[in-house]
Amino acid sequence: MNSTFKNISSREYFVNLIQQINGCEAYVVRYGQPILYTKYRGMEFSDQKVTSQFVRLNDHAIDVTMESVVDEFIKSFDSLVSTTANRVNWGTDGGKSSRIDPLFKLFDSFVHAVHNLTLLEKNNDDSLMGKRFSIKNINITKQSTQLEFLVDGHLNIIGLYPSKKKGRIEILFGNASIANAIVSLMKQ
């Protein structure tokens, strides 16, 4: 997850979101212009740190691949995700009186949609069974979020608009079948 640092309203929105994830905080990376990224349980994440992908091979096996230009980061990341105590809990208020952001409901619906599509038989056009899946990026601004994900190396982008009453989810780019199936499940 990342956001622009220069836009004050986007920066404040991002920091508020990050505060609703247990063990998470924001930090600044300077790639020419400053960008806010997440730090989870002390590990700093950015586009260059790590990529992970999974393939559901069958009902009982999931192949997970992690890549990074920094070997130590893979070991640390593997240790972090291998412990159930480090499970990400988002949409918590951390004892604050702030409102839980509706974007987390959209994230939950995305995760459930992807999970459900991995359970479909391989011969179904909407199935993710046997296909390599990864989240590439989540760019957050005050008014919209672009969730970028790859299916077998093909980029898909879904726009999420948590403050809208209607049209909260739309396909911005990608494979019509898989992206449509994810969006349809998210809207249910």
N, C-alpha and C. Protein backbone atom coordinates (compact mmCIF):
# COMPACT_ATOMS: atom_id res chain seq x y z
N MET A 1 0.85 -1.18 0.00
CA MET A 1 0.00 0.00 0.00
C MET A 1 0.89 1.23 0.00
N ASN A 2 0.48 2.21 -0.79
CA ASN A 2 1.23 3.45 -0.81
C ASN A 2 0.31 4.61 -1.13
N SER A 3 0.84 5.80 -0.92
CA SER A 3 0.10 7.03 -1.20
C SER A 3 1.10 8.15 -1.43
N THR A 4 0.64 9.16 -2.15
CA THR A 4 1.48 10.33 -2.34
C THR A 4 1.68 11.05 -1.01
N PHE A 5 2.85 11.62 -0.84
CA PHE A 5 3.15 12.35 0.39
C PHE A 5 2.76 13.83 0.24
N LYS A 6 2.86 14.35 -0.96
CA LYS A 6 2.67 15.79 -1.17
C LYS A 6 1.23 16.25 -1.02
N ASN A 7 0.25 15.42 -1.39
CA ASN A 7 -1.15 15.79 -1.25
C ASN A 7 -1.57 15.59 0.21
N ILE A 8 -1.86 16.66 0.90
CA ILE A 8 -2.12 16.61 2.35
C ILE A 8 -3.33 15.75 2.68
N SER A 9 -4.43 15.90 1.95
CA SER A 9 -5.63 15.12 2.29
C SER A 9 -5.40 13.63 2.04
N SER A 10 -4.68 13.26 0.96
CA SER A 10 -4.36 11.86 0.71
C SER A 10 -3.42 11.32 1.77
N ARG A 11 -2.44 12.11 2.15
CA ARG A 11 -1.49 11.69 3.18
C ARG A 11 -2.21 11.43 4.50
N GLU A 12 -3.09 12.35 4.91
CA GLU A 12 -3.82 12.19 6.17
C GLU A 12 -4.74 10.97 6.12
N TYR A 13 -5.39 10.75 4.98
CA TYR A 13 -6.27 9.59 4.81
C TYR A 13 -5.46 8.30 4.93
N PHE A 14 -4.31 8.24 4.26
CA PHE A 14 -3.45 7.06 4.30
C PHE A 14 -2.99 6.77 5.72
N VAL A 15 -2.53 7.78 6.42
CA VAL A 15 -2.05 7.59 7.80
C VAL A 15 -3.20 7.10 8.68
N ASN A 16 -4.41 7.64 8.49
CA ASN A 16 -5.56 7.18 9.27
C ASN A 16 -5.86 5.71 8.98
N LEU A 17 -5.77 5.31 7.71
CA LEU A 17 -5.98 3.90 7.36
C LEU A 17 -4.94 3.01 8.04
N ILE A 18 -3.69 3.40 7.92
CA ILE A 18 -2.59 2.61 8.48
C ILE A 18 -2.76 2.43 9.99
N GLN A 19 -3.26 3.44 10.66
CA GLN A 19 -3.48 3.36 12.10
C GLN A 19 -4.57 2.36 12.46
N GLN A 20 -5.37 1.95 11.47
CA GLN A 20 -6.43 0.97 11.70
C GLN A 20 -5.98 -0.46 11.38
N ILE A 21 -4.67 -0.65 11.22
CA ILE A 21 -4.10 -1.97 11.00
C ILE A 21 -3.14 -2.24 12.15
N ASN A 22 -3.46 -3.24 12.95
CA ASN A 22 -2.60 -3.56 14.10
C ASN A 22 -1.17 -3.84 13.67
N GLY A 23 -0.21 -3.20 14.33
CA GLY A 23 1.21 -3.42 14.06
C GLY A 23 1.74 -2.68 12.84
N CYS A 24 0.97 -1.75 12.30
CA CYS A 24 1.34 -1.07 11.07
C CYS A 24 1.55 0.42 11.29
N GLU A 25 2.48 0.99 10.54
CA GLU A 25 2.70 2.43 10.56
C GLU A 25 3.16 2.88 9.18
N ALA A 26 3.08 4.16 8.93
CA ALA A 26 3.50 4.72 7.64
C ALA A 26 4.94 5.20 7.72
N TYR A 27 5.64 5.15 6.60
CA TYR A 27 6.98 5.73 6.51
C TYR A 27 7.17 6.28 5.10
N VAL A 28 8.12 7.16 4.94
CA VAL A 28 8.34 7.87 3.68
C VAL A 28 9.53 7.27 2.94
N VAL A 29 9.34 7.02 1.63
CA VAL A 29 10.41 6.60 0.74
C VAL A 29 10.57 7.70 -0.29
N ARG A 30 11.80 8.07 -0.59
CA ARG A 30 12.04 9.15 -1.55
C ARG A 30 12.57 8.56 -2.85
N TYR A 31 11.68 8.46 -3.85
CA TYR A 31 12.02 8.02 -5.21
C TYR A 31 11.90 9.24 -6.12
N GLY A 32 12.68 10.26 -5.90
CA GLY A 32 12.52 11.51 -6.64
C GLY A 32 11.49 12.37 -5.93
N GLN A 33 10.29 11.83 -5.76
CA GLN A 33 9.28 12.52 -4.96
C GLN A 33 8.91 11.58 -3.81
N PRO A 34 8.60 12.12 -2.65
CA PRO A 34 8.32 11.26 -1.50
C PRO A 34 6.99 10.51 -1.65
N ILE A 35 7.01 9.24 -1.26
CA ILE A 35 5.84 8.38 -1.29
C ILE A 35 5.71 7.71 0.07
N LEU A 36 4.49 7.64 0.58
CA LEU A 36 4.22 6.94 1.83
C LEU A 36 4.02 5.45 1.56
N TYR A 37 4.66 4.61 2.36
CA TYR A 37 4.49 3.17 2.31
C TYR A 37 4.17 2.67 3.71
N THR A 38 3.93 1.36 3.80
CA THR A 38 3.62 0.77 5.09
C THR A 38 4.82 0.05 5.68
N LYS A 39 4.86 0.10 7.00
CA LYS A 39 5.83 -0.67 7.77
C LYS A 39 4.99 -1.55 8.69
N TYR A 40 5.17 -2.88 8.57
CA TYR A 40 4.38 -3.82 9.35
C TYR A 40 5.29 -4.61 10.28
N ARG A 41 5.02 -4.47 11.57
CA ARG A 41 5.83 -5.14 12.62
C ARG A 41 7.33 -4.93 12.38
N GLY A 42 7.68 -3.69 12.04
CA GLY A 42 9.07 -3.30 11.86
C GLY A 42 9.64 -3.52 10.47
N MET A 43 8.92 -4.22 9.60
CA MET A 43 9.40 -4.48 8.24
C MET A 43 8.87 -3.41 7.31
N GLU A 44 9.78 -2.74 6.61
CA GLU A 44 9.39 -1.69 5.66
C GLU A 44 9.09 -2.31 4.30
N PHE A 45 7.91 -2.00 3.76
CA PHE A 45 7.50 -2.51 2.46
C PHE A 45 7.49 -1.39 1.44
N SER A 46 7.95 -1.70 0.24
CA SER A 46 7.88 -0.78 -0.89
C SER A 46 7.84 -1.65 -2.14
N ASP A 47 7.74 -1.01 -3.30
CA ASP A 47 7.67 -1.76 -4.56
C ASP A 47 8.89 -2.64 -4.80
N GLN A 48 10.04 -2.23 -4.28
CA GLN A 48 11.28 -2.95 -4.55
C GLN A 48 11.62 -4.01 -3.51
N LYS A 49 10.90 -4.08 -2.40
CA LYS A 49 11.29 -4.98 -1.32
C LYS A 49 11.01 -6.45 -1.60
N VAL A 50 9.75 -6.78 -1.87
CA VAL A 50 9.39 -8.19 -2.03
C VAL A 50 8.15 -8.30 -2.91
N THR A 51 8.12 -9.39 -3.68
CA THR A 51 6.90 -9.75 -4.39
C THR A 51 6.57 -11.18 -3.98
N SER A 52 5.32 -11.44 -3.83
CA SER A 52 4.89 -12.81 -3.52
C SER A 52 3.71 -13.15 -4.42
N GLN A 53 3.66 -14.40 -4.81
CA GLN A 53 2.62 -14.90 -5.68
C GLN A 53 2.15 -16.24 -5.14
N PHE A 54 0.91 -16.57 -5.44
CA PHE A 54 0.47 -17.91 -5.09
C PHE A 54 -0.29 -18.54 -6.25
N VAL A 55 -0.27 -19.86 -6.26
CA VAL A 55 -1.04 -20.66 -7.21
C VAL A 55 -1.73 -21.74 -6.41
N ARG A 56 -3.05 -21.79 -6.48
CA ARG A 56 -3.77 -22.91 -5.85
C ARG A 56 -3.71 -24.06 -6.84
N LEU A 57 -2.95 -25.09 -6.48
CA LEU A 57 -2.72 -26.22 -7.38
C LEU A 57 -3.90 -27.19 -7.39
N ASN A 58 -4.49 -27.39 -6.21
CA ASN A 58 -5.67 -28.25 -6.07
C ASN A 58 -6.32 -27.90 -4.74
N ASP A 59 -7.26 -28.72 -4.29
CA ASP A 59 -7.98 -28.40 -3.06
C ASP A 59 -7.10 -28.41 -1.82
N HIS A 60 -5.92 -29.03 -1.90
CA HIS A 60 -5.10 -29.21 -0.71
C HIS A 60 -3.70 -28.60 -0.81
N ALA A 61 -3.34 -27.99 -1.94
CA ALA A 61 -1.98 -27.49 -2.11
C ALA A 61 -1.97 -26.09 -2.73
N ILE A 62 -1.21 -25.22 -2.10
CA ILE A 62 -1.00 -23.87 -2.62
C ILE A 62 0.50 -23.64 -2.71
N ASP A 63 0.96 -23.26 -3.89
CA ASP A 63 2.37 -22.98 -4.12
C ASP A 63 2.58 -21.47 -3.95
N VAL A 64 3.48 -21.08 -3.05
CA VAL A 64 3.77 -19.68 -2.80
C VAL A 64 5.21 -19.39 -3.22
N THR A 65 5.40 -18.32 -4.00
CA THR A 65 6.72 -17.89 -4.45
C THR A 65 6.98 -16.48 -3.95
N MET A 66 8.14 -16.26 -3.36
CA MET A 66 8.54 -14.92 -2.92
C MET A 66 9.84 -14.55 -3.60
N GLU A 67 9.93 -13.28 -4.03
CA GLU A 67 11.14 -12.79 -4.68
C GLU A 67 11.52 -11.45 -4.09
N SER A 68 12.81 -11.21 -3.99
CA SER A 68 13.32 -9.92 -3.53
C SER A 68 14.74 -9.76 -4.00
N VAL A 69 15.16 -8.51 -4.16
CA VAL A 69 16.55 -8.25 -4.52
C VAL A 69 17.44 -8.34 -3.28
N VAL A 70 16.83 -8.39 -2.10
CA VAL A 70 17.57 -8.48 -0.84
C VAL A 70 17.26 -9.82 -0.18
N ASP A 71 18.26 -10.73 -0.12
CA ASP A 71 18.06 -12.07 0.43
C ASP A 71 17.53 -12.04 1.86
N GLU A 72 18.09 -11.19 2.70
CA GLU A 72 17.66 -11.10 4.10
C GLU A 72 16.19 -10.75 4.22
N PHE A 73 15.68 -9.95 3.30
CA PHE A 73 14.28 -9.55 3.36
C PHE A 73 13.37 -10.76 3.17
N ILE A 74 13.73 -11.69 2.29
CA ILE A 74 12.94 -12.90 2.07
C ILE A 74 12.88 -13.72 3.35
N LYS A 75 14.01 -13.89 4.01
CA LYS A 75 14.04 -14.66 5.26
C LYS A 75 13.17 -14.00 6.32
N SER A 76 13.28 -12.70 6.45
CA SER A 76 12.47 -11.97 7.44
C SER A 76 11.00 -12.02 7.09
N PHE A 77 10.67 -11.84 5.81
CA PHE A 77 9.28 -11.87 5.36
C PHE A 77 8.69 -13.26 5.57
N ASP A 78 9.44 -14.30 5.23
CA ASP A 78 8.98 -15.67 5.42
C ASP A 78 8.69 -15.93 6.89
N SER A 79 9.57 -15.47 7.75
CA SER A 79 9.36 -15.63 9.19
C SER A 79 8.11 -14.88 9.65
N LEU A 80 7.93 -13.68 9.13
CA LEU A 80 6.78 -12.86 9.50
C LEU A 80 5.46 -13.52 9.10
N VAL A 81 5.36 -14.01 7.86
CA VAL A 81 4.10 -14.57 7.39
C VAL A 81 3.86 -16.00 7.85
N SER A 82 4.89 -16.66 8.36
CA SER A 82 4.74 -18.04 8.80
C SER A 82 4.17 -18.17 10.21
N THR A 83 4.07 -17.08 10.91
CA THR A 83 3.60 -17.10 12.28
C THR A 83 2.16 -16.60 12.35
N THR A 84 1.26 -17.40 12.90
CA THR A 84 -0.14 -16.99 12.97
C THR A 84 -0.33 -15.77 13.86
N ALA A 85 0.58 -15.53 14.80
CA ALA A 85 0.48 -14.34 15.65
C ALA A 85 0.66 -13.05 14.84
N ASN A 86 1.26 -13.15 13.65
CA ASN A 86 1.49 -11.98 12.80
C ASN A 86 0.39 -11.77 11.77
N ARG A 87 -0.72 -12.46 11.92
CA ARG A 87 -1.84 -12.29 10.98
C ARG A 87 -2.27 -10.83 10.97
N VAL A 88 -2.47 -10.30 9.76
CA VAL A 88 -2.86 -8.91 9.61
C VAL A 88 -4.31 -8.73 10.03
N ASN A 89 -4.53 -7.81 10.97
CA ASN A 89 -5.88 -7.45 11.40
C ASN A 89 -6.12 -6.01 11.01
N TRP A 90 -6.95 -5.80 10.01
CA TRP A 90 -7.22 -4.44 9.57
C TRP A 90 -8.63 -4.02 9.97
N GLY A 91 -8.85 -2.72 9.93
CA GLY A 91 -10.15 -2.20 10.28
C GLY A 91 -10.41 -2.20 11.77
N THR A 92 -9.35 -2.08 12.55
CA THR A 92 -9.50 -1.97 14.00
C THR A 92 -9.27 -0.52 14.39
N ASP A 93 -9.85 -0.11 15.50
CA ASP A 93 -9.68 1.30 15.87
C ASP A 93 -8.55 1.51 16.86
N GLY A 94 -7.91 0.44 17.30
CA GLY A 94 -6.76 0.58 18.19
C GLY A 94 -7.06 1.36 19.46
N GLY A 95 -8.31 1.28 19.92
CA GLY A 95 -8.68 1.99 21.14
C GLY A 95 -9.02 3.45 20.91
N LYS A 96 -8.94 3.90 19.66
CA LYS A 96 -9.27 5.29 19.35
C LYS A 96 -10.77 5.40 19.09
N SER A 97 -11.26 6.60 19.08
CA SER A 97 -12.69 6.80 18.84
C SER A 97 -12.98 6.99 17.35
N SER A 98 -11.98 6.78 16.49
CA SER A 98 -12.17 7.00 15.06
C SER A 98 -13.06 5.92 14.46
N ARG A 99 -13.70 6.28 13.37
CA ARG A 99 -14.58 5.38 12.64
C ARG A 99 -13.74 4.43 11.79
N ILE A 100 -14.15 3.16 11.72
CA ILE A 100 -13.47 2.19 10.87
C ILE A 100 -13.76 2.56 9.42
N ASP A 101 -12.74 2.66 8.62
CA ASP A 101 -12.90 3.09 7.24
C ASP A 101 -13.58 2.02 6.39
N PRO A 102 -14.55 2.40 5.55
CA PRO A 102 -15.24 1.43 4.69
C PRO A 102 -14.35 0.77 3.64
N LEU A 103 -13.16 1.31 3.39
CA LEU A 103 -12.24 0.69 2.45
C LEU A 103 -11.88 -0.73 2.90
N PHE A 104 -11.83 -0.96 4.21
CA PHE A 104 -11.49 -2.30 4.71
C PHE A 104 -12.56 -3.32 4.34
N LYS A 105 -13.82 -2.91 4.26
CA LYS A 105 -14.88 -3.83 3.81
C LYS A 105 -14.65 -4.20 2.34
N LEU A 106 -14.21 -3.23 1.55
CA LEU A 106 -13.91 -3.51 0.14
C LEU A 106 -12.70 -4.44 0.03
N PHE A 107 -11.67 -4.23 0.87
CA PHE A 107 -10.52 -5.14 0.88
C PHE A 107 -10.98 -6.56 1.24
N ASP A 108 -11.82 -6.67 2.28
CA ASP A 108 -12.33 -7.99 2.68
C ASP A 108 -13.09 -8.66 1.53
N SER A 109 -13.93 -7.89 0.85
CA SER A 109 -14.71 -8.48 -0.25
C SER A 109 -13.79 -8.91 -1.39
N PHE A 110 -12.70 -8.18 -1.63
CA PHE A 110 -11.72 -8.57 -2.65
C PHE A 110 -11.06 -9.90 -2.27
N VAL A 111 -10.61 -10.01 -1.03
CA VAL A 111 -9.96 -11.24 -0.56
C VAL A 111 -10.91 -12.42 -0.68
N HIS A 112 -12.16 -12.25 -0.27
CA HIS A 112 -13.14 -13.33 -0.35
C HIS A 112 -13.43 -13.71 -1.81
N ALA A 113 -13.51 -12.71 -2.69
CA ALA A 113 -13.76 -12.99 -4.11
C ALA A 113 -12.61 -13.80 -4.71
N VAL A 114 -11.38 -13.40 -4.43
CA VAL A 114 -10.22 -14.14 -4.94
C VAL A 114 -10.23 -15.56 -4.40
N HIS A 115 -10.47 -15.70 -3.11
CA HIS A 115 -10.52 -17.03 -2.50
C HIS A 115 -11.57 -17.90 -3.19
N ASN A 116 -12.78 -17.36 -3.36
CA ASN A 116 -13.85 -18.13 -3.99
C ASN A 116 -13.52 -18.53 -5.42
N LEU A 117 -12.85 -17.66 -6.16
CA LEU A 117 -12.47 -18.00 -7.54
C LEU A 117 -11.37 -19.05 -7.60
N THR A 118 -10.55 -19.17 -6.56
CA THR A 118 -9.54 -20.23 -6.54
C THR A 118 -10.17 -21.59 -6.29
N LEU A 119 -11.40 -21.61 -5.80
CA LEU A 119 -12.08 -22.87 -5.51
C LEU A 119 -12.82 -23.44 -6.72
N LEU A 120 -13.00 -22.62 -7.77
CA LEU A 120 -13.70 -23.09 -8.98
C LEU A 120 -12.82 -24.08 -9.75
N GLU A 121 -13.46 -24.98 -10.46
CA GLU A 121 -12.73 -25.94 -11.29
C GLU A 121 -11.93 -25.20 -12.38
N LYS A 122 -10.79 -25.77 -12.76
CA LYS A 122 -9.91 -25.14 -13.76
C LYS A 122 -10.59 -24.86 -15.09
N ASN A 123 -11.57 -25.68 -15.47
CA ASN A 123 -12.21 -25.50 -16.78
C ASN A 123 -13.20 -24.34 -16.81
N ASN A 124 -13.47 -23.72 -15.68
CA ASN A 124 -14.34 -22.54 -15.61
C ASN A 124 -13.51 -21.31 -16.00
N ASP A 125 -14.01 -20.49 -16.93
CA ASP A 125 -13.26 -19.31 -17.39
C ASP A 125 -12.92 -18.34 -16.27
N ASP A 126 -13.74 -18.30 -15.22
CA ASP A 126 -13.52 -17.38 -14.11
C ASP A 126 -12.61 -17.94 -13.02
N SER A 127 -12.20 -19.17 -13.17
CA SER A 127 -11.42 -19.84 -12.13
C SER A 127 -10.00 -19.26 -12.00
N LEU A 128 -9.55 -19.18 -10.78
CA LEU A 128 -8.14 -18.85 -10.51
C LEU A 128 -7.34 -20.10 -10.13
N MET A 129 -7.99 -21.26 -10.11
CA MET A 129 -7.30 -22.51 -9.81
C MET A 129 -6.22 -22.73 -10.86
N GLY A 130 -4.99 -22.95 -10.40
CA GLY A 130 -3.88 -23.20 -11.31
C GLY A 130 -3.27 -21.95 -11.93
N LYS A 131 -3.78 -20.78 -11.58
CA LYS A 131 -3.25 -19.53 -12.13
C LYS A 131 -2.44 -18.80 -11.06
N ARG A 132 -1.33 -18.20 -11.49
CA ARG A 132 -0.45 -17.46 -10.58
C ARG A 132 -1.09 -16.10 -10.28
N PHE A 133 -1.28 -15.80 -9.00
CA PHE A 133 -1.96 -14.57 -8.57
C PHE A 133 -1.06 -13.78 -7.62
N SER A 134 -1.03 -12.47 -7.82
CA SER A 134 -0.30 -11.61 -6.87
C SER A 134 -0.91 -10.21 -6.87
N ILE A 135 -0.81 -9.55 -5.74
CA ILE A 135 -1.19 -8.15 -5.65
C ILE A 135 0.07 -7.36 -5.94
N LYS A 136 0.01 -6.51 -6.95
CA LYS A 136 1.18 -5.72 -7.37
C LYS A 136 1.30 -4.45 -6.55
N ASN A 137 0.19 -3.75 -6.37
CA ASN A 137 0.24 -2.47 -5.68
C ASN A 137 -1.17 -2.06 -5.27
N ILE A 138 -1.25 -1.26 -4.22
CA ILE A 138 -2.49 -0.62 -3.82
C ILE A 138 -2.16 0.85 -3.60
N ASN A 139 -2.60 1.69 -4.55
CA ASN A 139 -2.33 3.11 -4.47
C ASN A 139 -3.57 3.80 -3.90
N ILE A 140 -3.38 4.48 -2.78
CA ILE A 140 -4.50 5.07 -2.04
C ILE A 140 -4.43 6.58 -2.11
N THR A 141 -5.57 7.19 -2.48
CA THR A 141 -5.74 8.64 -2.37
C THR A 141 -7.01 8.86 -1.56
N LYS A 142 -7.31 10.09 -1.27
CA LYS A 142 -8.48 10.42 -0.45
C LYS A 142 -9.78 9.93 -1.07
N GLN A 143 -9.92 10.07 -2.38
CA GLN A 143 -11.19 9.76 -3.05
C GLN A 143 -11.24 8.38 -3.69
N SER A 144 -10.09 7.78 -3.99
CA SER A 144 -10.11 6.50 -4.70
C SER A 144 -8.89 5.66 -4.34
N THR A 145 -9.03 4.37 -4.61
CA THR A 145 -7.93 3.43 -4.42
C THR A 145 -7.83 2.58 -5.67
N GLN A 146 -6.63 2.42 -6.18
CA GLN A 146 -6.39 1.55 -7.32
C GLN A 146 -5.69 0.30 -6.83
N LEU A 147 -6.38 -0.83 -6.96
CA LEU A 147 -5.84 -2.11 -6.54
C LEU A 147 -5.36 -2.83 -7.79
N GLU A 148 -4.03 -3.00 -7.89
CA GLU A 148 -3.41 -3.64 -9.05
C GLU A 148 -3.05 -5.07 -8.68
N PHE A 149 -3.47 -6.01 -9.53
CA PHE A 149 -3.11 -7.41 -9.28
C PHE A 149 -2.78 -8.09 -10.60
N LEU A 150 -1.98 -9.14 -10.50
CA LEU A 150 -1.55 -9.90 -11.67
C LEU A 150 -2.18 -11.30 -11.63
N VAL A 151 -2.65 -11.76 -12.78
CA VAL A 151 -3.10 -13.13 -12.95
C VAL A 151 -2.31 -13.71 -14.10
N ASP A 152 -1.45 -14.68 -13.78
CA ASP A 152 -0.54 -15.26 -14.78
C ASP A 152 0.24 -14.18 -15.51
N GLY A 153 0.67 -13.16 -14.79
CA GLY A 153 1.49 -12.10 -15.36
C GLY A 153 0.73 -10.99 -16.05
N HIS A 154 -0.59 -11.11 -16.17
CA HIS A 154 -1.41 -10.09 -16.83
C HIS A 154 -1.97 -9.12 -15.78
N LEU A 155 -1.74 -7.84 -16.03
CA LEU A 155 -2.14 -6.79 -15.09
C LEU A 155 -3.65 -6.53 -15.14
N ASN A 156 -4.24 -6.38 -13.96
CA ASN A 156 -5.63 -5.99 -13.79
C ASN A 156 -5.65 -4.87 -12.76
N ILE A 157 -6.51 -3.88 -12.98
CA ILE A 157 -6.63 -2.78 -12.02
C ILE A 157 -8.10 -2.56 -11.72
N ILE A 158 -8.42 -2.56 -10.44
CA ILE A 158 -9.78 -2.30 -9.99
C ILE A 158 -9.77 -0.99 -9.21
N GLY A 159 -10.73 -0.13 -9.50
CA GLY A 159 -10.90 1.11 -8.77
C GLY A 159 -11.87 0.89 -7.62
N LEU A 160 -11.48 1.33 -6.43
CA LEU A 160 -12.33 1.22 -5.24
C LEU A 160 -12.64 2.64 -4.75
N TYR A 161 -13.92 2.90 -4.50
CA TYR A 161 -14.37 4.23 -4.09
C TYR A 161 -15.25 4.10 -2.84
N PRO A 162 -14.62 3.96 -1.68
CA PRO A 162 -15.39 3.67 -0.46
C PRO A 162 -16.37 4.76 -0.04
N SER A 163 -16.17 6.00 -0.46
CA SER A 163 -17.05 7.08 -0.01
C SER A 163 -18.30 7.20 -0.88
N LYS A 164 -18.36 6.49 -2.01
CA LYS A 164 -19.52 6.55 -2.89
C LYS A 164 -20.62 5.61 -2.40
N LYS A 165 -21.86 5.99 -2.65
CA LYS A 165 -22.99 5.12 -2.32
C LYS A 165 -23.17 4.06 -3.40
N LYS A 166 -23.05 4.46 -4.67
CA LYS A 166 -23.17 3.54 -5.81
C LYS A 166 -21.88 3.59 -6.62
N GLY A 167 -21.62 2.53 -7.36
CA GLY A 167 -20.43 2.51 -8.20
C GLY A 167 -19.15 2.51 -7.39
N ARG A 168 -19.13 1.77 -6.29
CA ARG A 168 -17.97 1.75 -5.39
C ARG A 168 -16.81 0.92 -5.93
N ILE A 169 -17.09 0.09 -6.93
CA ILE A 169 -16.09 -0.81 -7.49
C ILE A 169 -16.21 -0.79 -9.01
N GLU A 170 -15.07 -0.64 -9.70
CA GLU A 170 -15.12 -0.71 -11.16
C GLU A 170 -13.80 -1.25 -11.70
N ILE A 171 -13.90 -1.86 -12.87
CA ILE A 171 -12.71 -2.36 -13.55
C ILE A 171 -12.10 -1.20 -14.31
N LEU A 172 -10.83 -0.94 -14.06
CA LEU A 172 -10.13 0.12 -14.78
C LEU A 172 -9.30 -0.44 -15.93
N PHE A 173 -8.80 -1.68 -15.75
CA PHE A 173 -7.94 -2.28 -16.78
C PHE A 173 -7.85 -3.77 -16.49
N GLY A 174 -7.84 -4.59 -17.55
CA GLY A 174 -7.49 -5.98 -17.34
C GLY A 174 -8.32 -6.99 -18.08
N ASN A 175 -8.05 -8.26 -17.76
CA ASN A 175 -8.71 -9.42 -18.33
C ASN A 175 -10.18 -9.38 -17.96
N ALA A 176 -11.03 -9.28 -18.96
CA ALA A 176 -12.46 -9.10 -18.72
C ALA A 176 -13.07 -10.21 -17.87
N SER A 177 -12.73 -11.45 -18.13
CA SER A 177 -13.36 -12.56 -17.43
C SER A 177 -13.02 -12.58 -15.94
N ILE A 178 -11.74 -12.59 -15.62
CA ILE A 178 -11.32 -12.66 -14.22
C ILE A 178 -11.69 -11.38 -13.47
N ALA A 179 -11.39 -10.23 -14.04
CA ALA A 179 -11.70 -8.96 -13.37
C ALA A 179 -13.21 -8.80 -13.17
N ASN A 180 -14.02 -9.17 -14.18
CA ASN A 180 -15.47 -9.11 -14.04
C ASN A 180 -15.97 -10.04 -12.95
N ALA A 181 -15.40 -11.23 -12.87
CA ALA A 181 -15.81 -12.18 -11.84
C ALA A 181 -15.49 -11.65 -10.44
N ILE A 182 -14.31 -11.07 -10.28
CA ILE A 182 -13.93 -10.51 -8.97
C ILE A 182 -14.86 -9.37 -8.60
N VAL A 183 -15.08 -8.45 -9.54
CA VAL A 183 -15.95 -7.31 -9.26
C VAL A 183 -17.38 -7.75 -8.97
N SER A 184 -17.89 -8.73 -9.72
CA SER A 184 -19.24 -9.23 -9.49
C SER A 184 -19.38 -9.83 -8.09
N LEU A 185 -18.40 -10.62 -7.69
CA LEU A 185 -18.45 -11.19 -6.33
C LEU A 185 -18.32 -10.12 -5.26
N MET A 186 -17.51 -9.10 -5.51
CA MET A 186 -17.34 -8.03 -4.54
C MET A 186 -18.64 -7.24 -4.35
N LYS A 187 -19.43 -7.14 -5.40
CA LYS A 187 -20.67 -6.36 -5.33
C LYS A 187 -21.81 -7.12 -4.65
N GLN A 188 -21.65 -8.42 -4.45
CA GLN A 188 -22.73 -9.20 -3.83
C GLN A 188 -22.86 -8.92 -2.36
